[in-house]
Protein backbone atom coordinates (compact mmCIF):
# COMPACT_ATOMS: atom_id res chain seq x y z
CA MET A 1 37.78 7.62 -3.93
CA PRO A 2 36.89 4.48 -5.98
CA GLU A 3 37.84 2.32 -2.99
CA LEU A 4 35.54 4.38 -0.74
CA LEU A 5 32.66 4.04 -3.20
CA GLN A 6 33.26 0.30 -3.43
CA GLU A 7 33.17 -0.05 0.36
CA PHE A 8 30.00 2.05 0.55
CA ARG A 9 28.32 0.16 -2.31
CA GLY A 10 28.65 -3.22 -0.58
CA PRO A 11 26.45 -2.48 2.49
CA MET A 12 24.01 -0.44 0.40
CA ALA A 13 23.57 -3.29 -2.07
CA ALA A 14 22.89 -5.70 0.81
CA VAL A 15 20.31 -3.34 2.34
CA LEU A 16 18.64 -2.81 -1.04
CA GLU A 17 18.52 -6.56 -1.64
CA ILE A 18 16.89 -7.12 1.76
CA LEU A 19 14.30 -4.43 1.01
CA VAL A 20 13.46 -5.95 -2.38
CA LEU A 21 13.10 -9.43 -0.90
CA SER A 22 10.98 -8.09 1.97
CA CYS A 23 8.62 -6.32 -0.41
CA MET A 24 8.41 -9.38 -2.63
CA PHE A 25 7.54 -11.74 0.23
CA TYR A 26 5.10 -9.19 1.68
CA TYR A 27 3.16 -8.88 -1.57
CA ILE A 28 3.15 -12.65 -2.04
CA PHE A 29 1.67 -13.00 1.45
CA LEU A 30 -0.80 -10.17 0.73
CA PHE A 31 -1.92 -11.81 -2.50
CA PHE A 32 -2.51 -15.28 -1.03
CA ARG A 33 -3.85 -14.09 2.33
CA GLY A 34 -7.25 -15.54 3.21
CA THR A 35 -7.40 -17.90 0.20
CA ARG A 36 -7.35 -21.68 -0.03
CA SER A 37 -3.95 -21.46 -1.71
CA ALA A 38 -2.50 -19.86 1.42
CA GLN A 39 -3.16 -23.10 3.31
CA VAL A 40 -1.58 -25.15 0.53
CA MET A 41 1.48 -22.89 0.45
CA THR A 42 1.81 -23.03 4.25
CA GLY A 43 1.66 -26.82 4.22
CA LEU A 44 4.18 -27.01 1.39
CA ILE A 45 6.64 -24.71 3.16
CA LEU A 46 6.30 -26.65 6.41
CA LEU A 47 6.90 -29.93 4.57
CA ILE A 48 10.04 -28.59 2.88
CA VAL A 49 11.44 -27.17 6.12
CA LEU A 50 10.70 -30.42 7.97
CA MET A 51 12.42 -32.52 5.30
CA ILE A 52 15.50 -30.29 5.36
CA LEU A 53 15.74 -30.45 9.16
CA LEU A 54 15.32 -34.23 9.28
CA THR A 55 17.89 -34.91 6.58
CA GLN A 56 20.41 -32.57 8.22
CA VAL A 57 19.90 -33.69 11.84
CA PHE A 58 19.82 -37.45 11.20
CA HIS A 59 22.31 -37.35 8.30
CA TRP A 60 20.01 -39.11 5.87
CA ASP A 61 22.31 -38.66 2.91
CA VAL A 62 20.31 -40.76 0.46
CA LEU A 63 17.05 -39.03 1.30
CA ASN A 64 18.81 -35.68 1.12
CA TRP A 65 20.11 -36.52 -2.36
CA VAL A 66 16.64 -37.60 -3.52
CA PHE A 67 15.12 -34.45 -2.07
CA ARG A 68 17.67 -32.24 -3.86
CA GLN A 69 17.00 -34.01 -7.15
CA PHE A 70 13.25 -33.50 -6.88
CA SER A 71 13.67 -29.87 -5.85
CA VAL A 72 14.60 -29.12 -9.47
CA TYR A 73 10.99 -29.81 -10.46
CA LEU A 74 9.56 -27.76 -7.61
CA ALA A 75 9.08 -24.72 -9.85
CA VAL A 76 6.96 -26.75 -12.27
CA ALA A 77 4.93 -28.14 -9.37
CA LEU A 78 4.28 -24.64 -8.06
CA LEU A 79 3.07 -23.51 -11.50
CA VAL A 80 0.61 -26.40 -11.60
CA ILE A 81 -0.63 -26.01 -8.02
CA PHE A 82 -1.02 -22.23 -8.06
CA GLN A 83 -1.98 -21.85 -11.72
CA PRO A 84 -5.28 -19.95 -11.09
CA GLU A 85 -3.63 -17.54 -8.64
CA ILE A 86 -0.67 -16.89 -10.95
CA ARG A 87 -2.97 -16.23 -13.88
CA ARG A 88 -5.04 -13.81 -11.79
CA ALA A 89 -1.87 -12.04 -10.60
CA LEU A 90 -0.63 -11.57 -14.18
CA ALA A 91 -4.05 -10.26 -15.18
CA GLU A 92 -3.94 -7.78 -12.30
CA LEU A 93 -0.54 -6.54 -13.46
CA GLY A 94 -1.67 -6.13 -17.03
CA LYS A 95 -5.00 -4.44 -16.45
CA PRO A 96 -5.32 -0.70 -17.18
CA GLN A 97 -5.27 1.70 -14.26
CA LEU A 98 -8.35 3.86 -13.85
CA PHE A 99 -7.79 7.35 -12.49
CA THR A 100 -11.34 8.64 -12.59
CA GLN A 101 -14.57 7.40 -11.12
CA SER A 102 -17.47 6.49 -13.32
CA THR A 103 -20.64 7.92 -11.76
CA SER A 104 -22.64 5.36 -13.74
CA GLN A 105 -21.47 2.68 -11.28
CA ARG A 106 -23.93 4.06 -8.74
CA ASN A 107 -26.74 3.42 -11.21
CA VAL A 108 -25.41 -0.10 -11.77
CA VAL A 109 -25.55 -0.82 -8.05
CA ASP A 110 -29.16 0.37 -7.80
CA THR A 111 -30.20 -1.46 -10.97
CA ILE A 112 -28.66 -4.78 -9.96
CA SER A 113 -30.05 -4.53 -6.43
CA GLN A 114 -33.60 -3.86 -7.67
CA SER A 115 -33.43 -6.64 -10.24
CA ALA A 116 -31.94 -9.16 -7.84
CA LEU A 117 -34.61 -8.49 -5.21
CA TYR A 118 -37.39 -8.69 -7.82
CA LEU A 119 -36.08 -12.02 -9.14
CA ALA A 120 -35.41 -13.43 -5.66
CA GLU A 121 -38.98 -12.78 -4.54
CA ARG A 122 -40.25 -14.79 -7.53
CA ARG A 123 -37.62 -17.55 -7.30
CA ILE A 124 -36.21 -16.77 -10.74
CA GLY A 125 -32.58 -17.74 -11.22
CA ALA A 126 -30.12 -15.09 -12.39
CA LEU A 127 -26.42 -14.71 -13.07
CA ILE A 128 -25.25 -11.09 -13.39
CA VAL A 129 -21.61 -10.29 -14.19
CA VAL A 130 -20.20 -6.79 -13.70
CA GLN A 131 -16.93 -6.32 -15.55
CA ARG A 132 -14.39 -4.17 -13.77
CA GLU A 133 -10.86 -3.65 -15.10
CA ILE A 134 -9.97 -7.05 -16.55
CA GLY A 135 -11.59 -7.61 -19.94
CA THR A 136 -14.09 -10.43 -20.54
CA ARG A 137 -14.22 -10.52 -24.34
CA SER A 138 -13.96 -14.32 -24.43
CA ILE A 139 -17.04 -14.52 -22.19
CA GLN A 140 -18.97 -12.04 -24.35
CA GLU A 141 -18.34 -14.14 -27.45
CA THR A 142 -20.15 -17.12 -25.90
CA GLY A 143 -23.44 -15.18 -25.64
CA THR A 144 -25.57 -12.77 -27.65
CA ARG A 145 -24.36 -9.19 -28.04
CA LEU A 146 -26.89 -6.57 -26.90
CA ASP A 147 -25.24 -3.22 -26.09
CA ALA A 148 -28.30 -1.84 -24.30
CA ARG A 149 -28.65 0.57 -21.38
CA CYS A 150 -28.85 -1.31 -18.10
CA THR A 151 -32.27 -0.87 -16.48
CA PRO A 152 -34.05 -2.95 -13.82
CA GLU A 153 -36.88 -3.79 -16.23
CA LEU A 154 -34.59 -5.04 -19.01
CA LEU A 155 -32.31 -6.93 -16.65
CA SER A 156 -35.22 -8.69 -14.96
CA SER A 157 -36.89 -9.52 -18.28
CA ILE A 158 -33.81 -11.29 -19.62
CA PHE A 159 -33.92 -13.90 -16.86
CA PHE A 160 -37.65 -14.53 -17.05
CA PRO A 161 -38.33 -18.25 -17.69
CA GLN A 162 -38.88 -19.46 -21.25
CA THR A 163 -37.18 -16.43 -22.79
CA PRO A 164 -34.37 -17.20 -25.28
CA LEU A 165 -31.61 -15.55 -23.20
CA HIS A 166 -32.64 -16.55 -19.67
CA ASP A 167 -30.20 -19.46 -19.46
CA GLY A 168 -26.71 -18.06 -18.96
CA GLY A 169 -25.03 -14.97 -17.59
CA VAL A 170 -25.62 -11.30 -18.35
CA LEU A 171 -22.49 -9.18 -18.73
CA ILE A 172 -22.62 -5.52 -17.67
CA GLN A 173 -19.92 -3.03 -18.59
CA GLU A 174 -20.09 0.69 -17.73
CA ASN A 175 -23.84 0.73 -17.11
CA ARG A 176 -24.59 -1.13 -20.34
CA ILE A 177 -25.64 -4.72 -20.90
CA VAL A 178 -23.12 -5.84 -23.50
CA ALA A 179 -24.11 -9.52 -23.75
CA ALA A 180 -26.62 -12.05 -22.44
CA GLY A 181 -26.81 -15.84 -22.39
CA CYS A 182 -23.06 -16.04 -21.75
CA VAL A 183 -21.33 -19.24 -20.68
CA LEU A 184 -19.06 -18.82 -17.64
CA PRO A 185 -16.20 -21.16 -16.65
CA LEU A 186 -17.06 -23.49 -13.76
CA SER A 187 -14.83 -23.60 -10.70
CA GLN A 188 -12.94 -26.87 -10.26
CA ARG A 189 -12.32 -26.46 -6.54
CA MET A 190 -13.22 -29.61 -4.62
CA GLU A 191 -13.98 -27.86 -1.33
CA ILE A 192 -17.02 -26.05 -2.73
CA SER A 193 -20.25 -27.18 -1.07
CA LYS A 194 -22.16 -29.86 -2.95
CA GLY A 195 -25.33 -27.87 -2.33
CA LEU A 196 -24.23 -25.13 -4.72
CA GLY A 197 -25.58 -25.37 -8.24
CA THR A 198 -24.09 -24.60 -11.63
CA ARG A 199 -24.80 -20.86 -11.36
CA HIS A 200 -22.81 -20.54 -8.14
CA ARG A 201 -19.91 -22.62 -9.48
CA ALA A 202 -19.87 -20.49 -12.64
CA ALA A 203 -19.81 -17.30 -10.55
CA ILE A 204 -16.90 -18.56 -8.46
CA GLY A 205 -15.08 -19.83 -11.56
CA LEU A 206 -15.19 -16.47 -13.34
CA THR A 207 -14.10 -14.50 -10.26
CA GLU A 208 -11.15 -16.85 -9.84
CA GLU A 209 -9.84 -15.71 -13.22
CA THR A 210 -10.90 -12.04 -13.35
CA ASP A 211 -11.71 -9.16 -11.01
CA ALA A 212 -15.39 -9.19 -12.03
CA VAL A 213 -18.22 -9.09 -9.50
CA VAL A 214 -20.94 -11.70 -10.02
CA VAL A 215 -24.41 -11.59 -8.46
CA VAL A 216 -26.30 -14.89 -8.27
CA VAL A 217 -29.99 -15.44 -7.54
CA SER A 218 -30.84 -19.03 -6.64
CA GLU A 219 -33.81 -20.49 -8.49
CA GLU A 220 -34.48 -23.07 -5.73
CA THR A 221 -34.29 -20.86 -2.63
CA GLY A 222 -34.39 -17.28 -3.92
CA THR A 223 -31.14 -16.58 -2.04
CA ILE A 224 -28.99 -13.70 -3.30
CA SER A 225 -25.22 -14.28 -3.37
CA VAL A 226 -22.22 -12.27 -4.54
CA SER A 227 -18.95 -13.77 -5.73
CA TYR A 228 -15.65 -11.85 -5.80
CA ARG A 229 -12.04 -13.05 -5.94
CA GLY A 230 -13.15 -16.66 -5.88
CA ARG A 231 -15.23 -16.23 -2.72
CA LEU A 232 -18.98 -16.46 -2.36
CA SER A 233 -21.09 -14.46 0.09
CA ARG A 234 -24.57 -15.94 0.46
CA GLY A 235 -27.87 -14.87 1.97
CA LEU A 236 -27.60 -11.13 1.31
CA ASP A 237 -30.55 -8.86 2.00
CA GLU A 238 -31.16 -5.53 0.27
CA ASP A 239 -28.96 -3.45 2.58
CA ARG A 240 -26.04 -5.88 2.58
CA LEU A 241 -26.26 -6.34 -1.19
CA LYS A 242 -26.10 -2.60 -1.85
CA ARG A 243 -23.31 -2.13 0.67
CA PHE A 244 -21.33 -5.02 -0.81
CA LEU A 245 -21.71 -3.80 -4.40
CA SER A 246 -20.95 -0.22 -3.45
CA THR A 247 -17.73 -1.29 -1.73
CA LEU A 248 -16.57 -3.22 -4.78
CA LEU A 249 -17.82 -1.11 -7.66
CA ILE A 250 -17.86 2.51 -6.52
CA LYS A 251 -14.41 3.98 -6.18
CA GLY A 252 -13.89 7.19 -4.24
CA VAL A 253 -14.74 10.51 -5.80
CA LYS A 254 -11.06 11.40 -5.69
CA SER A 255 -8.74 9.39 -7.87
CA GLU A 256 -5.73 7.80 -6.25
CA SER A 257 -2.19 7.75 -7.56
CA ARG A 258 -0.04 4.62 -7.66
CA TRP A 259 1.96 5.93 -4.71
CA GLN A 260 -1.20 6.43 -2.62
CA LYS A 261 -2.39 2.91 -3.42
CA ALA A 262 1.00 1.44 -2.53
CA LYS A 263 1.08 3.48 0.67
CA LYS A 264 -2.30 2.07 1.70
CA GLN A 265 -1.14 -1.49 1.04
CA LEU A 266 2.04 -0.96 3.04
CA ASP A 267 0.17 0.56 5.99
CA LEU A 268 0.65 -2.02 8.74
CA THR A 269 -0.96 -0.01 11.51
CA PRO A 270 -4.15 -1.46 13.04
CA GLU A 271 -6.23 1.14 11.17
CA GLY A 272 -4.53 0.36 7.87
CA ILE A 273 -4.90 -3.37 8.30
CA ALA A 274 -8.57 -2.95 9.16
CA LYS A 275 -9.13 -0.98 5.94
CA SER A 276 -7.26 -3.51 3.79
CA GLU A 277 -9.30 -6.38 5.22
CA THR A 278 -12.69 -4.79 4.51
CA LEU A 279 -13.23 -6.73 1.28
CA ASP A 280 -11.87 -9.96 2.75
CA LYS A 281 -14.34 -9.78 5.62
CA ALA A 282 -17.15 -9.05 3.19
CA GLY A 283 -16.14 -12.05 1.11
CA ASP A 284 -16.15 -14.35 4.14
CA SER A 285 -19.53 -13.21 5.47
């Protein structure tokens, strides 16, 4: 009997190991899909594979030895290159899971949409941050604490020129303005258009580190933009802005279990892929 269990355990362990590796690589691909880091990772993998093939085919022993020596520091290089993505992934793992929907998010969508349109018509710059599941206490501490109910009148008044709190970001949490005049981290990505100002870079920088949604109103052009997951969607009208915010902020009426969420992510049918790419398409528009 022990011999039979040992023989059965060998193939099962191999199958289990393949499944674990497959899931791991799938979620890595899912996490980096559609981002700038995906291109960097693809180029890095191609370079490594090319170097291995060349050294093996042409018997470049010295180059092979040098390559093996430098491969020891590859882990450190990956930590440096993908530092923002790794930090965001750890934050996603550590954030609390919400099992109920807050109906106040519908009011937040309407309030932000009204305020953004009002400010855009008058060419008044604005930077509105909606906290989701990852905390932003360090951002709140850079501004002035308010803890006031979020209304279109109050939100628009904060950004009016010459007011003490107009310069900086407003942080909204659960239909309440918790802080104003906040300083947001600027994105350091070199590929960002030079035409984008400090507000847009701050919006992208914060969404690179957290799962917050940031609405930006340009002071120069009156253009409304939304940043999420390090991406910026520009030139939104009223309908697109409401639809974008509703997709990101309003969860379904029914709460989903962890198994249901995992099942959706593992759905590789055309319908499932189309659903999973809804936010990515919105971010690229």
